[in-house]
Amino acid sequence: MRKSSPRWFLVVLVGLFLGVFICSNTPCQARVYIDISAPYLRKIPTAVPFFKDQGSGNKQGELAGTLADLLAETIHFTGFFKILDRESFLEDPQQAGLIENEINFKNWTDIGAELLVKGGFKYQGDRLTVELRLFDTFSGRLIIGKRYVGYLNDQRRMIRRFCNDMIHRLTGHEGIFSSRIGFISTATGHKEIYIADFDGHDPRQFTNTGAITLFPAWSSDGQWLAYTDYRRGKPDLYIRNIREQQGTVISLQGSNLTPAWVPGQFALAASLSYEGNPAVYLLTGKGKIIRRLTEHWDIDVSPTWSPDGKAIAFVSNRSGSPQIYIKNVEEGKVRRLTYEGKYNTSPQWSPRGDYIACTRLDKDGTVNIYVIRPEGRDSIQLTRNTGNNESPTWSPDGSLIAFSSTREGPSRIYVMNANGANQRRLLALKGEQTDPSWSPRLSYY
């Protein structure tokens, strides 16, 4: 992975992380515009006009559209917004102002815009200054405003930082725009781990084993990636620091599979078979076994932790076919979660704790994504009639699910809202892409 350059570190200090808050004369009131826990979200009509040129230079015209498009695409990814067609706009962004008393909000309410994002920029020498402001068009009120200073190549980071602040202000939750997605790709002819931005931008190869890697899993601080690696001819567990490229190898006799980090701890669960049939164990981040978590003569794999770290869901064939079970780690009680379908695998507990996503083999022979309450009720099918859909993974805020699908032929990574809406492909590389794993929010990105 590429380390941050000293130049970017300087930019963070002087610009992005010290963005100036711009507030209107009207006090900024606390209001939640978007309830991300609602089962069906109404998309808010939002206008994002071209940014206003506040300087001079040969890149100005190009940047006016590039910056606006980037912001519109970034917030549209969340599924919270309906981005309005610029052909309907009633004002010239180069003539209009950026503050309340310079904006005719009726021009925006008349076309149905409820939110308005205004931007201005100046590019001089090697420095780019961007001002961004979000307005409620009906009240004519500034919701949030920020100014960023950096270099031209920092424009994506500037936009994403504002979008994070924007989502936090509108929903009360942090945004996902500093998160990333790890996945398996056969682009090199081997199954290697790649890492891309949350929206599929800038995919980079993370492992180079020339063999098979599987089951990438992010630590809760985003500093470590655990995965299964076959470079030695058997499934071993690797725990590797994302930035320093150093870590630990767990190569016990038998299989070492399906790692899952304990929330808020440098510890993880994994399925190990060194004592016989695969069972779930708790290990330190350095690979030392703490204790065995599941006790059964049959196969237990694929653990996933509840957000509070008090329970695990896992897959076991103790009932005759792979089904999902939940164990209270403190009390030791185990109960079966899934009863519908012959095969239920790949459980992933949502960050909000309200659902567990999983993969189910349906009667027609296709594999689909479902969500189910941890209590065992409200099983909801999210994918259907679209090939095989597997390996769900939640965004850090629990509003989105990434997964792999063969709906276009080769397996690709897709993303959808947590209710199954807005299913779209995230990226397509050479070969096939499988096993996505969504990172937490990353402070170092």
Protein backbone atom coordinates (compact mmCIF):
# COMPACT_ATOMS: atom_id res chain seq x y z
CA MET A 1 0.00 0.00 0.00
CA ARG A 2 1.16 3.50 -0.77
CA LYS A 3 2.18 5.65 2.16
CA SER A 4 1.05 9.26 2.44
CA SER A 5 3.57 11.72 1.10
CA PRO A 6 5.01 14.50 3.28
CA ARG A 7 3.25 16.98 0.99
CA TRP A 8 -0.16 15.43 1.67
CA PHE A 9 0.59 15.36 5.41
CA LEU A 10 1.22 19.11 5.23
CA VAL A 11 -2.00 19.68 3.33
CA VAL A 12 -3.96 17.80 5.97
CA LEU A 13 -2.52 19.99 8.68
CA VAL A 14 -3.03 23.31 6.97
CA GLY A 15 -6.17 22.59 5.00
CA LEU A 16 -8.45 19.61 5.13
CA PHE A 17 -8.41 18.85 8.82
CA LEU A 18 -8.60 22.53 9.68
CA GLY A 19 -11.44 23.41 7.32
CA VAL A 20 -12.99 26.72 8.41
CA PHE A 21 -16.61 26.47 9.56
CA ILE A 22 -18.73 29.13 7.90
CA CYS A 23 -22.02 29.86 9.67
CA SER A 24 -24.88 32.09 8.63
CA ASN A 25 -26.51 34.75 10.79
CA THR A 26 -29.28 32.27 11.53
CA PRO A 27 -28.22 29.90 14.31
CA CYS A 28 -27.56 26.38 13.05
CA GLN A 29 -30.40 24.32 14.49
CA ALA A 30 -30.14 20.64 15.23
CA ARG A 31 -32.41 18.71 12.87
CA VAL A 32 -32.21 15.23 11.45
CA TYR A 33 -33.19 15.43 7.78
CA ILE A 34 -32.57 11.75 7.01
CA ASP A 35 -33.41 8.76 9.22
CA ILE A 36 -31.03 6.09 7.96
CA SER A 37 -32.74 3.45 10.11
CA ALA A 38 -36.07 3.92 8.31
CA PRO A 39 -37.03 0.80 6.29
CA TYR A 40 -37.89 2.90 3.23
CA LEU A 41 -36.05 6.14 2.65
CA ARG A 42 -37.46 9.01 0.65
CA LYS A 43 -34.67 10.49 -1.43
CA ILE A 44 -34.25 14.22 -0.88
CA PRO A 45 -34.27 16.27 -4.12
CA THR A 46 -30.89 18.01 -4.13
CA ALA A 47 -29.38 20.55 -6.53
CA VAL A 48 -25.62 20.63 -7.14
CA PRO A 49 -24.86 23.40 -9.67
CA PHE A 50 -21.45 23.90 -11.26
CA PHE A 51 -19.03 25.50 -8.85
CA LYS A 52 -18.36 29.22 -9.12
CA ASP A 53 -15.03 30.37 -10.52
CA GLN A 54 -13.54 32.72 -7.91
CA GLY A 55 -10.15 33.07 -9.57
CA SER A 56 -8.50 32.84 -12.94
CA GLY A 57 -6.45 30.19 -14.69
CA ASN A 58 -6.57 27.72 -17.51
CA LYS A 59 -8.17 24.95 -15.43
CA GLN A 60 -11.09 27.01 -14.13
CA GLY A 61 -13.77 26.01 -16.62
CA GLU A 62 -12.93 22.34 -16.34
CA LEU A 63 -12.87 22.39 -12.54
CA ALA A 64 -16.31 24.01 -12.27
CA GLY A 65 -17.89 20.88 -13.66
CA THR A 66 -15.41 18.32 -12.33
CA LEU A 67 -15.81 19.37 -8.70
CA ALA A 68 -19.60 19.60 -8.92
CA ASP A 69 -19.87 16.20 -10.61
CA LEU A 70 -17.60 14.61 -8.02
CA LEU A 71 -19.69 15.97 -5.15
CA ALA A 72 -22.97 14.91 -6.78
CA GLU A 73 -21.67 11.39 -7.47
CA THR A 74 -20.33 11.04 -3.93
CA ILE A 75 -23.55 11.91 -2.12
CA HIS A 76 -25.67 10.04 -4.69
CA PHE A 77 -23.77 6.86 -3.77
CA THR A 78 -25.45 6.85 -0.34
CA GLY A 79 -28.93 6.40 -1.80
CA PHE A 80 -30.21 9.31 0.32
CA PHE A 81 -30.43 11.93 -2.43
CA LYS A 82 -32.15 12.50 -5.76
CA ILE A 83 -29.72 14.64 -7.75
CA LEU A 84 -31.65 17.11 -9.93
CA ASP A 85 -30.87 17.60 -13.62
CA ARG A 86 -28.88 20.79 -14.16
CA GLU A 87 -30.91 21.49 -17.32
CA SER A 88 -33.78 22.48 -15.03
CA PHE A 89 -31.78 25.09 -13.09
CA LEU A 90 -32.99 28.70 -13.33
CA GLU A 91 -29.74 30.53 -12.56
CA ASP A 92 -26.20 30.79 -13.87
CA PRO A 93 -23.83 29.53 -11.16
CA GLN A 94 -21.11 31.89 -12.35
CA GLN A 95 -23.36 34.89 -11.74
CA ALA A 96 -25.08 33.77 -8.53
CA GLY A 97 -23.61 34.22 -5.06
CA LEU A 98 -22.63 31.73 -2.37
CA ILE A 99 -24.25 33.30 0.71
CA GLU A 100 -27.91 33.49 1.76
CA ASN A 101 -28.64 37.11 0.87
CA GLU A 102 -27.19 36.55 -2.62
CA ILE A 103 -29.33 33.49 -3.39
CA ASN A 104 -32.88 33.52 -4.74
CA PHE A 105 -34.12 30.37 -3.05
CA LYS A 106 -37.41 30.50 -4.97
CA ASN A 107 -35.39 29.57 -8.07
CA TRP A 108 -34.57 26.31 -6.32
CA THR A 109 -37.88 25.50 -4.62
CA ASP A 110 -39.66 26.09 -7.95
CA ILE A 111 -37.74 23.17 -9.50
CA GLY A 112 -38.32 20.95 -6.47
CA ALA A 113 -34.94 21.24 -4.77
CA GLU A 114 -35.10 20.83 -1.00
CA LEU A 115 -31.35 20.95 -0.51
CA LEU A 116 -28.83 23.05 -2.41
CA VAL A 117 -25.06 22.53 -2.43
CA LYS A 118 -23.13 25.58 -3.61
CA GLY A 119 -19.43 25.54 -4.33
CA GLY A 120 -16.76 28.06 -5.20
CA PHE A 121 -13.10 27.49 -6.01
CA LYS A 122 -9.85 29.26 -6.77
CA TYR A 123 -6.87 27.59 -8.41
CA GLN A 124 -3.69 29.67 -8.38
CA GLY A 125 -0.14 28.44 -8.73
CA ASP A 126 -0.22 24.93 -7.30
CA ARG A 127 -2.90 25.68 -4.67
CA LEU A 128 -6.60 24.85 -4.83
CA THR A 129 -9.06 26.55 -2.48
CA VAL A 130 -12.61 25.20 -2.36
CA GLU A 131 -15.60 26.65 -0.48
CA LEU A 132 -18.66 24.43 -0.01
CA ARG A 133 -22.04 25.32 1.46
CA LEU A 134 -25.19 23.31 2.05
CA PHE A 135 -28.55 25.12 2.22
CA ASP A 136 -32.10 24.24 3.17
CA THR A 137 -33.97 25.88 0.27
CA PHE A 138 -37.37 26.16 1.98
CA SER A 139 -36.03 27.96 5.05
CA GLY A 140 -33.30 29.74 3.08
CA ARG A 141 -30.89 28.68 5.80
CA LEU A 142 -27.25 27.65 5.70
CA ILE A 143 -26.87 24.17 7.20
CA ILE A 144 -23.10 23.81 6.95
CA GLY A 145 -20.19 25.53 5.23
CA LYS A 146 -16.52 24.66 4.96
CA ARG A 147 -13.37 25.93 3.24
CA TYR A 148 -10.50 23.65 2.20
CA VAL A 149 -7.00 24.45 0.96
CA GLY A 150 -4.76 21.93 -0.77
CA TYR A 151 -3.32 20.86 -4.09
CA LEU A 152 -5.16 19.96 -7.28
CA ASN A 153 -4.74 16.22 -6.64
CA ASP A 154 -6.45 16.66 -3.26
CA GLN A 155 -9.82 17.60 -4.76
CA ARG A 156 -11.34 14.17 -4.15
CA ARG A 157 -10.30 14.23 -0.49
CA MET A 158 -11.73 17.74 -0.09
CA ILE A 159 -15.08 16.74 -1.56
CA ARG A 160 -15.27 13.56 0.50
CA ARG A 161 -14.45 15.38 3.71
CA PHE A 162 -17.26 17.84 3.08
CA CYS A 163 -19.63 14.98 2.21
CA ASN A 164 -18.76 13.30 5.51
CA ASP A 165 -19.63 16.50 7.37
CA MET A 166 -22.77 16.91 5.27
CA ILE A 167 -24.02 13.39 6.04
CA HIS A 168 -23.24 13.81 9.72
CA ARG A 169 -25.23 17.03 9.82
CA LEU A 170 -28.22 15.60 7.95
CA THR A 171 -28.40 12.15 9.59
CA GLY A 172 -26.68 12.48 12.96
CA HIS A 173 -24.29 9.69 11.88
CA GLU A 174 -20.77 9.78 10.49
CA GLY A 175 -20.41 9.32 6.73
CA ILE A 176 -18.77 6.37 4.99
CA PHE A 177 -16.54 8.34 2.62
CA SER A 178 -13.28 7.55 4.42
CA SER A 179 -13.97 3.80 4.32
CA ARG A 180 -12.60 1.24 1.87
CA ILE A 181 -13.52 -2.20 0.60
CA GLY A 182 -11.21 -5.20 0.46
CA PHE A 183 -12.06 -8.02 -1.92
CA ILE A 184 -10.63 -11.01 -3.79
CA SER A 185 -9.81 -10.66 -7.49
CA THR A 186 -8.37 -13.06 -10.05
CA ALA A 187 -7.06 -10.20 -12.23
CA THR A 188 -3.52 -11.65 -12.02
CA GLY A 189 -4.65 -15.22 -12.61
CA HIS A 190 -4.48 -15.93 -8.87
CA LYS A 191 -6.85 -15.08 -6.02
CA GLU A 192 -5.29 -11.98 -4.49
CA ILE A 193 -6.66 -9.33 -2.13
CA TYR A 194 -7.32 -5.88 -3.56
CA ILE A 195 -8.43 -2.73 -1.75
CA ALA A 196 -10.53 0.05 -3.30
CA ASP A 197 -12.21 3.19 -2.05
CA PHE A 198 -15.78 2.83 -0.78
CA ASP A 199 -17.14 3.61 -4.27
CA GLY A 200 -14.75 1.33 -6.18
CA HIS A 201 -12.35 4.14 -7.09
CA ASP A 202 -8.60 3.45 -7.19
CA PRO A 203 -8.43 -0.37 -6.72
CA ARG A 204 -4.96 -1.55 -5.70
CA GLN A 205 -3.49 -5.01 -5.23
CA PHE A 206 -2.70 -5.72 -1.56
CA THR A 207 -1.30 -9.28 -1.65
CA ASN A 208 1.03 -10.87 -4.17
CA THR A 209 1.14 -14.54 -3.19
CA GLY A 210 0.79 -16.21 -6.58
CA ALA A 211 -1.56 -18.62 -4.82
CA ILE A 212 -4.99 -18.27 -3.16
CA THR A 213 -6.12 -15.71 -0.59
CA LEU A 214 -9.60 -15.69 0.96
CA PHE A 215 -11.78 -14.10 3.65
CA PRO A 216 -10.31 -10.58 4.13
CA ALA A 217 -11.38 -9.03 7.46
CA TRP A 218 -10.66 -5.51 8.76
CA SER A 219 -9.78 -4.77 12.37
CA SER A 220 -12.15 -2.31 14.04
CA ASP A 221 -9.52 0.44 13.93
CA GLY A 222 -8.82 -0.21 10.23
CA GLN A 223 -5.11 -0.74 10.88
CA TRP A 224 -5.00 -4.49 10.26
CA LEU A 225 -6.26 -6.98 7.72
CA ALA A 226 -6.63 -10.68 8.55
CA TYR A 227 -7.11 -13.27 5.82
CA THR A 228 -6.54 -16.90 4.83
CA ASP A 229 -3.52 -17.57 2.59
CA TYR A 230 -2.59 -20.79 0.74
CA ARG A 231 0.94 -19.80 -0.30
CA ARG A 232 2.39 -22.66 1.79
CA GLY A 233 0.00 -25.19 0.26
CA LYS A 234 -2.51 -25.15 3.15
CA PRO A 235 -4.90 -22.56 4.61
CA ASP A 236 -2.93 -20.39 7.05
CA LEU A 237 -4.10 -17.24 8.78
CA TYR A 238 -2.25 -13.99 8.12
CA ILE A 239 -2.64 -10.85 10.24
CA ARG A 240 -1.07 -7.91 8.44
CA ASN A 241 -0.71 -4.21 9.16
CA ILE A 242 -2.24 -2.24 6.30
CA ARG A 243 0.40 0.48 6.14
CA GLU A 244 3.57 -1.18 7.44
CA GLN A 245 3.14 -4.48 5.58
CA GLN A 246 4.16 -6.44 8.68
CA GLY A 247 2.29 -8.93 10.82
CA THR A 248 1.83 -12.48 12.04
CA VAL A 249 1.25 -15.88 10.43
CA ILE A 250 -0.84 -18.52 12.19
CA SER A 251 0.06 -21.88 10.66
CA LEU A 252 -1.39 -24.50 12.97
CA GLN A 253 -1.98 -28.03 11.77
CA GLY A 254 -5.12 -28.30 9.67
CA SER A 255 -7.15 -25.31 8.44
CA ASN A 256 -7.01 -21.71 9.68
CA LEU A 257 -10.02 -19.90 8.25
CA THR A 258 -12.61 -17.08 8.35
CA PRO A 259 -11.15 -14.45 10.70
CA ALA A 260 -13.43 -11.90 12.42
CA TRP A 261 -12.11 -9.10 14.62
CA VAL A 262 -13.58 -8.41 18.06
CA PRO A 263 -15.16 -4.91 18.08
CA GLY A 264 -12.84 -2.41 19.72
CA GLN A 265 -10.13 -4.96 20.55
CA PHE A 266 -6.90 -6.21 19.04
CA ALA A 267 -8.27 -9.74 19.06
CA LEU A 268 -10.16 -11.91 16.62
CA ALA A 269 -12.15 -15.09 16.23
CA ALA A 270 -11.26 -17.66 13.57
CA SER A 271 -12.10 -21.23 12.64
CA LEU A 272 -9.20 -23.60 13.42
CA SER A 273 -9.05 -27.38 13.04
CA TYR A 274 -5.79 -28.25 14.82
CA GLU A 275 -7.75 -30.16 17.49
CA GLY A 276 -9.99 -32.02 15.03
CA ASN A 277 -13.07 -30.67 13.26
CA PRO A 278 -13.06 -26.90 12.64
CA ALA A 279 -14.19 -24.89 15.67
CA VAL A 280 -14.25 -21.17 16.46
CA TYR A 281 -11.43 -19.88 18.67
CA LEU A 282 -10.57 -16.49 20.17
CA LEU A 283 -7.03 -15.26 19.44
CA THR A 284 -4.95 -12.20 20.19
CA GLY A 285 -3.94 -9.95 17.31
CA LYS A 286 -0.50 -11.56 17.57
CA GLY A 287 -1.96 -15.00 16.93
CA LYS A 288 -1.94 -16.45 20.47
CA ILE A 289 -4.96 -18.63 21.22
CA ILE A 290 -6.97 -17.30 24.16
CA ARG A 291 -9.73 -19.91 24.30
CA ARG A 292 -12.12 -22.03 22.29
CA LEU A 293 -15.51 -20.39 21.66
CA THR A 294 -17.57 -23.25 20.19
CA GLU A 295 -17.73 -26.83 21.48
CA HIS A 296 -19.23 -29.38 19.10
CA TRP A 297 -18.12 -32.47 17.24
CA ASP A 298 -19.27 -30.99 13.90
CA ILE A 299 -17.92 -28.12 11.76
CA ASP A 300 -18.13 -24.48 13.01
CA VAL A 301 -16.89 -21.68 10.73
CA SER A 302 -17.50 -18.05 9.66
CA PRO A 303 -17.87 -16.19 12.97
CA THR A 304 -19.19 -12.62 13.08
CA TRP A 305 -19.41 -10.46 16.21
CA SER A 306 -22.33 -8.47 17.54
CA PRO A 307 -21.42 -4.74 17.74
CA ASP A 308 -21.10 -4.94 21.55
CA GLY A 309 -18.77 -7.95 21.32
CA LYS A 310 -21.00 -10.06 23.61
CA ALA A 311 -22.16 -12.61 21.04
CA ILE A 312 -21.05 -14.32 17.84
CA ALA A 313 -23.06 -15.69 14.97
CA PHE A 314 -21.42 -18.56 13.10
CA VAL A 315 -22.14 -21.34 10.61
CA SER A 316 -22.41 -24.96 11.71
CA ASN A 317 -23.66 -28.14 10.09
CA ARG A 318 -24.56 -29.67 13.47
CA SER A 319 -28.22 -29.88 12.35
CA GLY A 320 -27.33 -31.74 9.16
CA SER A 321 -26.81 -28.78 6.79
CA PRO A 322 -25.04 -25.42 7.12
CA GLN A 323 -27.15 -23.12 9.28
CA ILE A 324 -26.45 -20.01 11.34
CA TYR A 325 -26.25 -20.14 15.12
CA ILE A 326 -25.74 -17.47 17.76
CA LYS A 327 -23.71 -17.92 20.92
CA ASN A 328 -23.67 -15.61 23.91
CA VAL A 329 -19.95 -15.59 24.64
CA GLU A 330 -20.31 -14.76 28.35
CA GLU A 331 -23.17 -17.13 29.19
CA GLY A 332 -22.20 -19.87 26.73
CA LYS A 333 -25.75 -20.38 25.43
CA VAL A 334 -26.12 -21.40 21.77
CA ARG A 335 -29.31 -21.12 19.72
CA ARG A 336 -30.12 -21.76 16.09
CA LEU A 337 -31.00 -18.64 14.09
CA THR A 338 -31.97 -19.85 10.60
CA TYR A 339 -34.53 -22.48 9.71
CA GLU A 340 -35.60 -21.51 6.18
CA GLY A 341 -33.51 -22.93 3.35
CA LYS A 342 -31.12 -25.89 3.34
CA TYR A 343 -27.98 -23.73 3.35
CA ASN A 344 -27.49 -20.47 5.26
CA THR A 345 -23.91 -19.18 5.32
CA SER A 346 -21.69 -16.04 5.42
CA PRO A 347 -23.36 -14.26 8.36
CA GLN A 348 -22.47 -10.60 8.88
CA TRP A 349 -23.82 -8.68 11.88
CA SER A 350 -24.84 -5.12 11.05
CA PRO A 351 -23.00 -2.25 12.81
CA ARG A 352 -26.32 -1.16 14.33
CA GLY A 353 -26.95 -4.67 15.66
CA ASP A 354 -30.47 -4.82 14.23
CA TYR A 355 -29.94 -7.39 11.47
CA ILE A 356 -27.65 -10.21 10.42
CA ALA A 357 -27.07 -10.46 6.66
CA CYS A 358 -26.45 -13.91 5.24
CA THR A 359 -26.35 -16.03 2.08
CA ARG A 360 -29.08 -18.60 1.44
CA LEU A 361 -29.48 -21.34 -1.15
CA ASP A 362 -33.04 -21.06 -2.45
CA LYS A 363 -35.28 -23.84 -3.75
CA ASP A 364 -34.58 -22.89 -7.39
CA GLY A 365 -30.86 -23.52 -6.87
CA THR A 366 -29.81 -19.85 -6.82
CA VAL A 367 -27.95 -18.17 -3.97
CA ASN A 368 -29.33 -14.91 -2.56
CA ILE A 369 -28.74 -12.34 0.17
CA TYR A 370 -31.14 -12.19 3.13
CA VAL A 371 -31.27 -10.23 6.36
CA ILE A 372 -32.76 -11.55 9.57
CA ARG A 373 -33.23 -10.13 13.05
CA PRO A 374 -30.87 -11.59 15.69
CA GLU A 375 -34.00 -12.81 17.49
CA GLY A 376 -34.83 -14.95 14.44
CA ARG A 377 -37.77 -12.96 13.03
CA ASP A 378 -38.30 -10.72 10.00
CA SER A 379 -36.29 -12.67 7.43
CA ILE A 380 -36.18 -10.45 4.33
CA GLN A 381 -34.88 -11.42 0.87
CA LEU A 382 -32.80 -8.62 -0.69
CA THR A 383 -31.70 -10.14 -4.04
CA ARG A 384 -33.65 -12.27 -6.50
CA ASN A 385 -33.61 -13.30 -10.17
CA THR A 386 -30.04 -11.98 -10.61
CA GLY A 387 -27.71 -14.97 -10.70
CA ASN A 388 -25.90 -15.99 -7.52
CA ASN A 389 -25.42 -13.33 -4.82
CA GLU A 390 -23.03 -13.99 -1.96
CA SER A 391 -20.73 -12.64 0.78
CA PRO A 392 -22.64 -9.64 2.17
CA THR A 393 -20.69 -7.00 4.09
CA TRP A 394 -22.08 -3.87 5.80
CA SER A 395 -20.97 -0.27 5.40
CA PRO A 396 -19.74 1.33 8.67
CA ASP A 397 -23.08 3.09 9.24
CA GLY A 398 -25.19 0.04 8.38
CA SER A 399 -26.99 1.81 5.54
CA LEU A 400 -25.42 -0.16 2.65
CA ILE A 401 -24.42 -3.74 1.87
CA ALA A 402 -21.71 -4.75 -0.59
CA PHE A 403 -21.79 -8.27 -2.04
CA SER A 404 -20.60 -10.38 -4.96
CA SER A 405 -22.93 -11.36 -7.80
CA THR A 406 -22.83 -13.27 -11.09
CA ARG A 407 -25.75 -11.33 -12.60
CA GLU A 408 -23.57 -10.13 -15.50
CA GLY A 409 -21.71 -13.42 -15.93
CA PRO A 410 -18.36 -13.20 -14.09
CA SER A 411 -18.61 -12.50 -10.38
CA ARG A 412 -18.39 -8.76 -9.60
CA ILE A 413 -18.75 -6.59 -6.49
CA TYR A 414 -22.08 -4.79 -6.12
CA VAL A 415 -23.61 -2.51 -3.53
CA MET A 416 -27.19 -1.91 -2.42
CA ASN A 417 -29.12 -0.07 0.26
CA ALA A 418 -29.75 -2.10 3.41
CA ASN A 419 -33.35 -2.67 2.28
CA GLY A 420 -32.20 -4.11 -1.06
CA ALA A 421 -32.89 -1.00 -3.15
CA ASN A 422 -30.51 0.66 -5.63
CA GLN A 423 -28.45 -2.40 -6.53
CA ARG A 424 -25.52 -1.37 -8.74
CA ARG A 425 -22.09 -2.64 -9.66
CA LEU A 426 -19.22 -1.20 -7.66
CA LEU A 427 -16.35 -2.07 -9.99
CA ALA A 428 -15.23 -4.54 -12.64
CA LEU A 429 -11.65 -5.71 -13.05
CA LYS A 430 -10.14 -8.42 -15.20
CA GLY A 431 -11.13 -11.89 -13.98
CA GLU A 432 -13.65 -12.22 -11.14
CA GLN A 433 -14.16 -10.33 -7.88
CA THR A 434 -15.56 -11.97 -4.75
CA ASP A 435 -15.50 -11.88 -0.92
CA PRO A 436 -15.94 -8.13 -0.27
CA SER A 437 -15.13 -6.81 3.21
CA TRP A 438 -16.07 -3.21 4.13
CA SER A 439 -13.64 -1.38 6.36
CA PRO A 440 -14.52 0.88 9.28
CA ARG A 441 -14.02 4.62 8.83
CA LEU A 442 -10.30 5.21 8.37
CA SER A 443 -8.63 8.09 10.15
CA TYR A 444 -5.45 7.78 8.06
CA TYR A 445 -7.14 8.01 4.66
